[in-house]
Amino acid sequence: MRHYYIYYRIAPAQAKLIAGAVRLIQQQLAAQLDIHGRLLTKCDEPNLWMEIYEGITASVEFETALLAAEIQSGIAGLLGPDETRHIECFEE
C-alpha cells in the first residue's frame, strides 16, 4: 500500500483559484478511483500546501489519473514560475 504526499507553495493572490483546481483534481480521483484526498496548509507557513492521498493499491492507475486531473485542472499554470508540485511516495 502506498501513500502520496504532494507539496508546493502558492501565491496568496492565487489561493482561491488553486483551491478550486485542487478540488477538481480530488473530485476526479474520487469519481474515477474512489480515492479521497485531503488538502492541508502548513501551520506556520499558510502558503505551503500539501495534498495527501493514502491507501493507494494501484500506483500506475493513480499516477495516470492524477496527471490527467492535474492537466485538466490547469493547476500548473496557477503556480508561480519557480513553483512546482513535488510528489513523494511512501509505502508500508
Protein backbone atom coordinates (compact mmCIF):
# COMPACT_ATOMS: atom_id res chain seq x y z
CA MET A 1 0.00 0.00 0.00
CA ARG A 2 1.33 3.42 -0.95
CA HIS A 3 0.74 6.95 0.29
CA TYR A 4 1.31 10.05 -1.85
CA TYR A 5 2.23 13.47 -0.49
CA ILE A 6 2.25 16.42 -2.88
CA TYR A 7 3.55 19.74 -1.62
CA TYR A 8 4.02 23.15 -3.19
CA ARG A 9 3.99 26.86 -2.41
CA ILE A 10 1.28 29.17 -3.69
CA ALA A 11 0.99 32.89 -4.22
CA PRO A 12 -1.66 34.22 -1.79
CA ALA A 13 -3.40 36.06 -4.63
CA GLN A 14 -3.95 32.72 -6.39
CA ALA A 15 -5.22 30.81 -3.34
CA LYS A 16 -8.89 30.66 -4.37
CA LEU A 17 -8.10 29.58 -7.92
CA ILE A 18 -5.62 26.95 -6.77
CA ALA A 19 -8.05 25.63 -4.15
CA GLY A 20 -10.62 25.24 -6.93
CA ALA A 21 -8.12 23.35 -9.07
CA VAL A 22 -7.28 21.04 -6.16
CA ARG A 23 -10.99 20.38 -5.58
CA LEU A 24 -11.35 19.45 -9.24
CA ILE A 25 -8.37 17.08 -9.04
CA GLN A 26 -9.73 15.44 -5.91
CA GLN A 27 -13.24 15.14 -7.34
CA GLN A 28 -11.89 13.41 -10.43
CA LEU A 29 -9.78 10.98 -8.39
CA ALA A 30 -12.77 10.20 -6.19
CA ALA A 31 -15.05 9.61 -9.17
CA GLN A 32 -12.57 7.51 -11.14
CA LEU A 33 -10.76 5.55 -8.44
CA ASP A 34 -12.69 6.12 -5.21
CA ILE A 35 -9.59 7.81 -3.77
CA HIS A 36 -10.35 10.70 -1.43
CA GLY A 37 -7.53 13.17 -0.94
CA ARG A 38 -7.02 15.81 1.71
CA LEU A 39 -5.59 19.31 1.43
CA LEU A 40 -3.57 20.80 4.28
CA THR A 41 -1.67 24.03 4.83
CA LYS A 42 1.46 24.29 6.95
CA CYS A 43 0.75 25.68 10.42
CA ASP A 44 3.32 28.47 10.41
CA GLU A 45 3.50 28.91 6.63
CA PRO A 46 -0.02 29.08 5.15
CA ASN A 47 1.29 29.38 1.59
CA LEU A 48 2.81 25.89 1.76
CA TRP A 49 0.13 23.38 0.79
CA MET A 50 0.09 19.60 0.87
CA GLU A 51 -2.28 17.12 -0.72
CA ILE A 52 -2.40 13.66 0.81
CA TYR A 53 -3.65 10.51 -0.90
CA GLU A 54 -3.43 7.41 1.26
CA GLY A 55 -4.03 3.71 0.83
CA ILE A 56 -3.22 3.54 -2.87
CA THR A 57 -3.06 -0.05 -4.11
CA ALA A 58 -2.82 0.61 -7.86
CA SER A 59 0.01 3.13 -8.25
CA VAL A 60 0.12 3.19 -12.04
CA GLU A 61 -3.63 3.85 -12.30
CA PHE A 62 -3.44 6.50 -9.58
CA GLU A 63 -0.47 8.31 -11.12
CA THR A 64 -2.08 8.25 -14.57
CA ALA A 65 -5.37 9.60 -13.22
CA LEU A 66 -3.54 12.21 -11.12
CA LEU A 67 -1.61 13.51 -14.12
CA ALA A 68 -4.76 13.71 -16.23
CA ALA A 69 -6.61 15.54 -13.44
CA GLU A 70 -3.71 17.97 -12.97
CA ILE A 71 -3.70 18.78 -16.67
CA GLN A 72 -7.47 19.25 -16.81
CA SER A 73 -7.47 21.45 -13.70
CA GLY A 74 -4.76 23.76 -15.07
CA ILE A 75 -3.06 23.86 -11.69
CA ALA A 76 0.46 24.12 -13.16
CA GLY A 77 -0.45 27.45 -14.78
CA LEU A 78 -1.71 28.81 -11.46
CA LEU A 79 1.54 28.23 -9.60
CA GLY A 80 4.38 30.72 -9.77
CA PRO A 81 7.14 30.35 -12.39
CA ASP A 82 9.56 28.89 -9.83
CA GLU A 83 6.98 26.72 -8.08
CA THR A 84 6.18 23.13 -8.87
CA ARG A 85 4.25 20.30 -7.29
CA HIS A 86 6.63 17.91 -5.55
CA ILE A 87 5.33 14.37 -5.30
CA GLU A 88 6.64 11.97 -2.67
CA CYS A 89 5.50 8.36 -2.37
CA PHE A 90 5.88 6.21 0.75
CA GLU A 91 4.89 2.60 1.24
CA GLU A 92 4.24 0.30 4.13
